[in-house]
Amino acid sequence: VIVCDGFVGNVLLKFYESVAQFITSLIKKKLDALTENSLNFEEIFRILDYSETGGAPLLGVGGVSVICHGGSSSKAIRNAIKVAVQAVRSDMVAQTASRLAASMSDTAEEI
């Protein structure tokens, strides 16, 4: 979890996506050179693939908003919609506000 303003968040998101794509392509090239592999690299690739999640909730807008990469595939958009549905069903906005308020109250008591 990263808490930052929108500009920094966007820069970090773009950086992560490019690094994940680079690492994935590098590993795939190396795997192609191997004749035998016993590791489950498909699972590793799935974990690194941003389209598996599709997007991230944007907090602080008073509702559910999911941010996606501008070049998202249909798979990524589908999964981002699932993230939004899950956020609505779990009442993410109210839960986040409640926990943040409790955390701020605890912090104020410590001071």
Foldseek 3Di string as FASTA:
>chain_A
DDDDDPVVVVVVVVVLLVVLVVVLVVVVVVVVVDPDDDDDVVVVNCVSHQLVQLFDFDPDPQATDTDGDPPHDPSSVVNSVVVSVVCVVVVVRVVVVVVVVVVVVVVVVVD
